[in-house]
Amino acid sequence: MPPEDIESVIGNAIIDKDFLGRLLGGDRAALLSKFNLTQEELQMLMGVHAESLAGFAGQVHAWQQSQGLRRKEGE
């Protein structure tokens, strides 16, 4: 799955405070079901424990890098 799907989750969290609150809170499964995510992506996003958007995005970014899903700068 292209990283754009996960990036859509992060993008929505940036522009919608209610979405962010639900993403960081306990309503994550229902919220994420609206996105076209693989089972692996869904499991990773469900396993993120963060209290801020920066913390959430940082964990997602680290996972993407470990999976080779993000291009390195200059590529």
PDB file of N, CA and C in Angstrom:
ATOM      1  N   MET A   1       0.852  -1.175   0.000  1.00  0.00           N
ATOM      2  CA  MET A   1       0.000   0.000   0.000  1.00  0.00           C
ATOM      3  C   MET A   1       0.891   1.229   0.000  1.00  0.00           C
ATOM      4  N   PRO A   2       0.618   2.165  -0.850  1.00  0.00           N
ATOM      5  CA  PRO A   2       1.424   3.384  -0.859  1.00  0.00           C
ATOM      6  C   PRO A   2       1.295   4.138   0.460  1.00  0.00           C
ATOM      7  N   PRO A   3       2.355   4.853   0.841  1.00  0.00           N
ATOM      8  CA  PRO A   3       2.288   5.578   2.112  1.00  0.00           C
ATOM      9  C   PRO A   3       1.242   6.686   2.127  1.00  0.00           C
ATOM     10  N   GLU A   4       0.676   7.032   0.977  1.00  0.00           N
ATOM     11  CA  GLU A   4      -0.323   8.103   0.937  1.00  0.00           C
ATOM     12  C   GLU A   4      -1.527   7.802   1.832  1.00  0.00           C
ATOM     13  N   ASP A   5      -1.885   6.541   2.005  1.00  0.00           N
ATOM     14  CA  ASP A   5      -3.022   6.212   2.859  1.00  0.00           C
ATOM     15  C   ASP A   5      -2.743   6.560   4.320  1.00  0.00           C
ATOM     16  N   ILE A   6      -1.577   6.199   4.789  1.00  0.00           N
ATOM     17  CA  ILE A   6      -1.197   6.559   6.157  1.00  0.00           C
ATOM     18  C   ILE A   6      -1.045   8.073   6.258  1.00  0.00           C
ATOM     19  N   GLU A   7      -0.492   8.677   5.230  1.00  0.00           N
ATOM     20  CA  GLU A   7      -0.329  10.130   5.241  1.00  0.00           C
ATOM     21  C   GLU A   7      -1.679  10.842   5.263  1.00  0.00           C
ATOM     22  N   SER A   8      -2.710  10.220   4.706  1.00  0.00           N
ATOM     23  CA  SER A   8      -4.057  10.791   4.785  1.00  0.00           C
ATOM     24  C   SER A   8      -4.551  10.814   6.226  1.00  0.00           C
ATOM     25  N   VAL A   9      -4.210   9.784   6.986  1.00  0.00           N
ATOM     26  CA  VAL A   9      -4.576   9.741   8.399  1.00  0.00           C
ATOM     27  C   VAL A   9      -3.903  10.913   9.123  1.00  0.00           C
ATOM     28  N   ILE A  10      -2.602  11.082   8.905  1.00  0.00           N
ATOM     29  CA  ILE A  10      -1.863  12.168   9.548  1.00  0.00           C
ATOM     30  C   ILE A  10      -2.392  13.520   9.083  1.00  0.00           C
ATOM     31  N   GLY A  11      -2.659  13.653   7.790  1.00  0.00           N
ATOM     32  CA  GLY A  11      -3.182  14.906   7.250  1.00  0.00           C
ATOM     33  C   GLY A  11      -4.509  15.290   7.874  1.00  0.00           C
ATOM     34  N   ASN A  12      -5.387  14.317   8.031  1.00  0.00           N
ATOM     35  CA  ASN A  12      -6.667  14.592   8.679  1.00  0.00           C
ATOM     36  C   ASN A  12      -6.468  15.040  10.121  1.00  0.00           C
ATOM     37  N   ALA A  13      -5.499  14.438  10.802  1.00  0.00           N
ATOM     38  CA  ALA A  13      -5.222  14.820  12.195  1.00  0.00           C
ATOM     39  C   ALA A  13      -4.691  16.248  12.286  1.00  0.00           C
ATOM     40  N   ILE A  14      -3.982  16.683  11.258  1.00  0.00           N
ATOM     41  CA  ILE A  14      -3.433  18.038  11.252  1.00  0.00           C
ATOM     42  C   ILE A  14      -4.542  19.078  11.120  1.00  0.00           C
ATOM     43  N   ILE A  15      -5.521  18.801  10.264  1.00  0.00           N
ATOM     44  CA  ILE A  15      -6.529  19.824   9.966  1.00  0.00           C
ATOM     45  C   ILE A  15      -7.811  19.702  10.774  1.00  0.00           C
ATOM     46  N   ASP A  16      -8.014  18.581  11.464  1.00  0.00           N
ATOM     47  CA  ASP A  16      -9.273  18.351  12.174  1.00  0.00           C
ATOM     48  C   ASP A  16      -8.983  17.962  13.625  1.00  0.00           C
ATOM     49  N   LYS A  17      -9.210  18.891  14.546  1.00  0.00           N
ATOM     50  CA  LYS A  17      -8.899  18.650  15.964  1.00  0.00           C
ATOM     51  C   LYS A  17      -9.739  17.521  16.563  1.00  0.00           C
ATOM     52  N   ASP A  18     -10.986  17.375  16.113  1.00  0.00           N
ATOM     53  CA  ASP A  18     -11.825  16.285  16.592  1.00  0.00           C
ATOM     54  C   ASP A  18     -11.244  14.947  16.146  1.00  0.00           C
ATOM     55  N   PHE A  19     -10.832  14.883  14.891  1.00  0.00           N
ATOM     56  CA  PHE A  19     -10.206  13.671  14.356  1.00  0.00           C
ATOM     57  C   PHE A  19      -8.956  13.338  15.164  1.00  0.00           C
ATOM     58  N   LEU A  20      -8.130  14.342  15.436  1.00  0.00           N
ATOM     59  CA  LEU A  20      -6.915  14.131  16.220  1.00  0.00           C
ATOM     60  C   LEU A  20      -7.243  13.589  17.605  1.00  0.00           C
ATOM     61  N   GLY A  21      -8.231  14.177  18.249  1.00  0.00           N
ATOM     62  CA  GLY A  21      -8.622  13.700  19.574  1.00  0.00           C
ATOM     63  C   GLY A  21      -9.060  12.253  19.558  1.00  0.00           C
ATOM     64  N   ARG A  22      -9.812  11.881  18.542  1.00  0.00           N
ATOM     65  CA  ARG A  22     -10.262  10.487  18.417  1.00  0.00           C
ATOM     66  C   ARG A  22      -9.100   9.565  18.063  1.00  0.00           C
ATOM     67  N   LEU A  23      -8.163  10.056  17.240  1.00  0.00           N
ATOM     68  CA  LEU A  23      -6.999   9.250  16.862  1.00  0.00           C
ATOM     69  C   LEU A  23      -6.119   8.959  18.077  1.00  0.00           C
ATOM     70  N   LEU A  24      -5.952   9.953  18.921  1.00  0.00           N
ATOM     71  CA  LEU A  24      -5.124   9.771  20.112  1.00  0.00           C
ATOM     72  C   LEU A  24      -5.890   9.103  21.252  1.00  0.00           C
ATOM     73  N   GLY A  25      -7.215   9.115  21.159  1.00  0.00           N
ATOM     74  CA  GLY A  25      -8.054   8.541  22.208  1.00  0.00           C
ATOM     75  C   GLY A  25      -8.439   7.102  21.931  1.00  0.00           C
ATOM     76  N   GLY A  26      -9.559   6.720  22.478  1.00  0.00           N
ATOM     77  CA  GLY A  26      -9.969   5.328  22.419  1.00  0.00           C
ATOM     78  C   GLY A  26     -10.829   4.928  21.240  1.00  0.00           C
ATOM     79  N   ASP A  27     -11.105   5.833  20.330  1.00  0.00           N
ATOM     80  CA  ASP A  27     -12.022   5.547  19.219  1.00  0.00           C
ATOM     81  C   ASP A  27     -11.271   5.277  17.912  1.00  0.00           C
ATOM     82  N   ARG A  28     -10.051   4.815  18.018  1.00  0.00           N
ATOM     83  CA  ARG A  28      -9.176   4.695  16.851  1.00  0.00           C
ATOM     84  C   ARG A  28      -9.648   3.660  15.831  1.00  0.00           C
ATOM     85  N   ALA A  29     -10.122   2.511  16.261  1.00  0.00           N
ATOM     86  CA  ALA A  29     -10.511   1.451  15.315  1.00  0.00           C
ATOM     87  C   ALA A  29     -11.603   1.922  14.367  1.00  0.00           C
ATOM     88  N   ALA A  30     -12.639   2.533  14.903  1.00  0.00           N
ATOM     89  CA  ALA A  30     -13.734   3.019  14.056  1.00  0.00           C
ATOM     90  C   ALA A  30     -13.245   4.117  13.125  1.00  0.00           C
ATOM     91  N   LEU A  31     -12.391   4.966  13.618  1.00  0.00           N
ATOM     92  CA  LEU A  31     -11.854   6.073  12.832  1.00  0.00           C
ATOM     93  C   LEU A  31     -11.020   5.562  11.654  1.00  0.00           C
ATOM     94  N   LEU A  32     -10.157   4.597  11.900  1.00  0.00           N
ATOM     95  CA  LEU A  32      -9.257   4.092  10.872  1.00  0.00           C
ATOM     96  C   LEU A  32      -9.944   3.191   9.857  1.00  0.00           C
ATOM     97  N   SER A  33     -11.101   2.671  10.206  1.00  0.00           N
ATOM     98  CA  SER A  33     -11.811   1.783   9.274  1.00  0.00           C
ATOM     99  C   SER A  33     -12.240   2.517   8.006  1.00  0.00           C
ATOM    100  N   LYS A  34     -12.233   3.845   8.038  1.00  0.00           N
ATOM    101  CA  LYS A  34     -12.637   4.642   6.880  1.00  0.00           C
ATOM    102  C   LYS A  34     -11.513   4.817   5.864  1.00  0.00           C
ATOM    103  N   PHE A  35     -10.320   4.352   6.194  1.00  0.00           N
ATOM    104  CA  PHE A  35      -9.168   4.502   5.309  1.00  0.00           C
ATOM    105  C   PHE A  35      -8.830   3.167   4.652  1.00  0.00           C
ATOM    106  N   ASN A  36      -8.219   3.244   3.501  1.00  0.00           N
ATOM    107  CA  ASN A  36      -7.827   2.059   2.746  1.00  0.00           C
ATOM    108  C   ASN A  36      -6.445   1.603   3.213  1.00  0.00           C
ATOM    109  N   LEU A  37      -6.411   0.971   4.385  1.00  0.00           N
ATOM    110  CA  LEU A  37      -5.152   0.540   4.997  1.00  0.00           C
ATOM    111  C   LEU A  37      -5.016  -0.973   4.912  1.00  0.00           C
ATOM    112  N   THR A  38      -3.782  -1.441   4.780  1.00  0.00           N
ATOM    113  CA  THR A  38      -3.548  -2.872   4.851  1.00  0.00           C
ATOM    114  C   THR A  38      -3.702  -3.320   6.306  1.00  0.00           C
ATOM    115  N   GLN A  39      -3.799  -4.602   6.516  1.00  0.00           N
ATOM    116  CA  GLN A  39      -3.897  -5.121   7.880  1.00  0.00           C
ATOM    117  C   GLN A  39      -2.653  -4.757   8.676  1.00  0.00           C
ATOM    118  N   GLU A  40      -1.489  -4.818   8.032  1.00  0.00           N
ATOM    119  CA  GLU A  40      -0.233  -4.465   8.698  1.00  0.00           C
ATOM    120  C   GLU A  40      -0.222  -2.992   9.111  1.00  0.00           C
ATOM    121  N   GLU A  41      -0.679  -2.110   8.215  1.00  0.00           N
ATOM    122  CA  GLU A  41      -0.744  -0.684   8.539  1.00  0.00           C
ATOM    123  C   GLU A  41      -1.722  -0.432   9.672  1.00  0.00           C
ATOM    124  N   LEU A  42      -2.868  -1.081   9.615  1.00  0.00           N
ATOM    125  CA  LEU A  42      -3.872  -0.918  10.655  1.00  0.00           C
ATOM    126  C   LEU A  42      -3.331  -1.371  12.011  1.00  0.00           C
ATOM    127  N   GLN A  43      -2.671  -2.514  12.036  1.00  0.00           N
ATOM    128  CA  GLN A  43      -2.099  -3.012  13.290  1.00  0.00           C
ATOM    129  C   GLN A  43      -1.060  -2.042  13.842  1.00  0.00           C
ATOM    130  N   MET A  44      -0.214  -1.513  12.954  1.00  0.00           N
ATOM    131  CA  MET A  44       0.806  -0.577  13.394  1.00  0.00           C
ATOM    132  C   MET A  44       0.153   0.675  13.972  1.00  0.00           C
ATOM    133  N   LEU A  45      -0.827   1.245  13.263  1.00  0.00           N
ATOM    134  CA  LEU A  45      -1.489   2.456  13.738  1.00  0.00           C
ATOM    135  C   LEU A  45      -2.242   2.209  15.037  1.00  0.00           C
ATOM    136  N   MET A  46      -2.828   1.040  15.195  1.00  0.00           N
ATOM    137  CA  MET A  46      -3.530   0.722  16.438  1.00  0.00           C
ATOM    138  C   MET A  46      -2.556   0.584  17.605  1.00  0.00           C
ATOM    139  N   GLY A  47      -1.309   0.235  17.309  1.00  0.00           N
ATOM    140  CA  GLY A  47      -0.319   0.029  18.351  1.00  0.00           C
ATOM    141  C   GLY A  47       0.444   1.278  18.764  1.00  0.00           C
ATOM    142  N   VAL A  48       0.205   2.376  18.069  1.00  0.00           N
ATOM    143  CA  VAL A  48       0.904   3.625  18.416  1.00  0.00           C
ATOM    144  C   VAL A  48       0.354   4.157  19.742  1.00  0.00           C
ATOM    145  N   HIS A  49       1.256   4.497  20.633  1.00  0.00           N
ATOM    146  CA  HIS A  49       0.879   5.110  21.907  1.00  0.00           C
ATOM    147  C   HIS A  49       1.532   6.486  21.956  1.00  0.00           C
ATOM    148  N   ALA A  50       0.720   7.518  21.798  1.00  0.00           N
ATOM    149  CA  ALA A  50       1.240   8.887  21.777  1.00  0.00           C
ATOM    150  C   ALA A  50       0.214   9.825  22.387  1.00  0.00           C
ATOM    151  N   GLU A  51       0.709  10.916  22.927  1.00  0.00           N
ATOM    152  CA  GLU A  51      -0.162  11.924  23.523  1.00  0.00           C
ATOM    153  C   GLU A  51      -0.259  13.177  22.673  1.00  0.00           C
ATOM    154  N   SER A  52       0.469  13.194  21.544  1.00  0.00           N
ATOM    155  CA  SER A  52       0.453  14.365  20.673  1.00  0.00           C
ATOM    156  C   SER A  52       0.540  13.915  19.221  1.00  0.00           C
ATOM    157  N   LEU A  53       0.186  14.832  18.333  1.00  0.00           N
ATOM    158  CA  LEU A  53       0.308  14.550  16.908  1.00  0.00           C
ATOM    159  C   LEU A  53       1.765  14.300  16.538  1.00  0.00           C
ATOM    160  N   ALA A  54       2.667  15.094  17.091  1.00  0.00           N
ATOM    161  CA  ALA A  54       4.086  14.923  16.789  1.00  0.00           C
ATOM    162  C   ALA A  54       4.574  13.531  17.209  1.00  0.00           C
ATOM    163  N   GLY A  55       4.159  13.093  18.380  1.00  0.00           N
ATOM    164  CA  GLY A  55       4.546  11.770  18.846  1.00  0.00           C
ATOM    165  C   GLY A  55       3.973  10.664  17.976  1.00  0.00           C
ATOM    166  N   PHE A  56       2.713  10.818  17.591  1.00  0.00           N
ATOM    167  CA  PHE A  56       2.054   9.835  16.736  1.00  0.00           C
ATOM    168  C   PHE A  56       2.759   9.776  15.385  1.00  0.00           C
ATOM    169  N   ALA A  57       2.947  10.947  14.769  1.00  0.00           N
ATOM    170  CA  ALA A  57       3.584  11.007  13.456  1.00  0.00           C
ATOM    171  C   ALA A  57       5.020  10.492  13.504  1.00  0.00           C
ATOM    172  N   GLY A  58       5.719  10.759  14.585  1.00  0.00           N
ATOM    173  CA  GLY A  58       7.088  10.265  14.726  1.00  0.00           C
ATOM    174  C   GLY A  58       7.158   8.756  14.732  1.00  0.00           C
ATOM    175  N   GLN A  59       6.229   8.126  15.422  1.00  0.00           N
ATOM    176  CA  GLN A  59       6.204   6.662  15.454  1.00  0.00           C
ATOM    177  C   GLN A  59       5.833   6.087  14.091  1.00  0.00           C
ATOM    178  N   VAL A  60       4.908   6.725  13.421  1.00  0.00           N
ATOM    179  CA  VAL A  60       4.520   6.281  12.083  1.00  0.00           C
ATOM    180  C   VAL A  60       5.704   6.417  11.128  1.00  0.00           C
ATOM    181  N   HIS A  61       6.383   7.537  11.195  1.00  0.00           N
ATOM    182  CA  HIS A  61       7.541   7.785  10.334  1.00  0.00           C
ATOM    183  C   HIS A  61       8.626   6.729  10.572  1.00  0.00           C
ATOM    184  N   ALA A  62       8.913   6.438  11.827  1.00  0.00           N
ATOM    185  CA  ALA A  62       9.936   5.437  12.154  1.00  0.00           C
ATOM    186  C   ALA A  62       9.544   4.075  11.584  1.00  0.00           C
ATOM    187  N   TRP A  63       8.268   3.712  11.682  1.00  0.00           N
ATOM    188  CA  TRP A  63       7.805   2.439  11.132  1.00  0.00           C
ATOM    189  C   TRP A  63       7.960   2.427   9.614  1.00  0.00           C
ATOM    190  N   GLN A  64       7.562   3.536   8.963  1.00  0.00           N
ATOM    191  CA  GLN A  64       7.691   3.608   7.504  1.00  0.00           C
ATOM    192  C   GLN A  64       9.146   3.461   7.082  1.00  0.00           C
ATOM    193  N   GLN A  65      10.038   4.108   7.778  1.00  0.00           N
ATOM    194  CA  GLN A  65      11.465   4.006   7.454  1.00  0.00           C
ATOM    195  C   GLN A  65      11.942   2.562   7.616  1.00  0.00           C
ATOM    196  N   SER A  66      11.510   1.900   8.685  1.00  0.00           N
ATOM    197  CA  SER A  66      11.936   0.520   8.920  1.00  0.00           C
ATOM    198  C   SER A  66      11.388  -0.430   7.860  1.00  0.00           C
ATOM    199  N   GLN A  67      10.287  -0.045   7.241  1.00  0.00           N
ATOM    200  CA  GLN A  67       9.672  -0.862   6.196  1.00  0.00           C
ATOM    201  C   GLN A  67      10.148  -0.468   4.801  1.00  0.00           C
ATOM    202  N   GLY A  68      10.976   0.573   4.718  1.00  0.00           N
ATOM    203  CA  GLY A  68      11.441   1.049   3.417  1.00  0.00           C
ATOM    204  C   GLY A  68      10.347   1.726   2.612  1.00  0.00           C
ATOM    205  N   LEU A  69       9.338   2.301   3.291  1.00  0.00           N
ATOM    206  CA  LEU A  69       8.189   2.891   2.602  1.00  0.00           C
ATOM    207  C   LEU A  69       8.386   4.352   2.277  1.00  0.00           C
ATOM    208  N   ARG A  70       9.358   4.988   2.842  1.00  0.00           N
ATOM    209  CA  ARG A  70       9.577   6.413   2.585  1.00  0.00           C
ATOM    210  C   ARG A  70      10.896   6.595   1.886  1.00  0.00           C
ATOM    211  N   ARG A  71      10.897   7.473   0.892  1.00  0.00           N
ATOM    212  CA  ARG A  71      12.139   7.787   0.208  1.00  0.00           C
ATOM    213  C   ARG A  71      13.003   8.649   1.096  1.00  0.00           C
ATOM    214  N   LYS A  72      14.285   8.416   1.011  1.00  0.00           N
ATOM    215  CA  LYS A  72      15.223   9.258   1.739  1.00  0.00           C
ATOM    216  C   LYS A  72      15.395  10.565   0.989  1.00  0.00           C
ATOM    217  N   GLU A  73      15.766  11.622   1.704  1.00  0.00           N
ATOM    218  CA  GLU A  73      15.968  12.925   1.075  1.00  0.00           C
ATOM    219  C   GLU A  73      16.971  12.806  -0.060  1.00  0.00           C
ATOM    220  N   GLY A  74      16.665  13.494  -1.151  1.00  0.00           N
ATOM    221  CA  GLY A  74      17.566  13.505  -2.288  1.00  0.00           C
ATOM    222  C   GLY A  74      17.271  12.442  -3.319  1.00  0.00           C
ATOM    223  N   GLU A  75      16.380  11.532  -3.026  1.00  0.00           N
ATOM    224  CA  GLU A  75      16.034  10.485  -3.994  1.00  0.00           C
ATOM    225  C   GLU A  75      14.909  10.954  -4.891  1.00  0.00           C
TER     226      GLU A  75
END
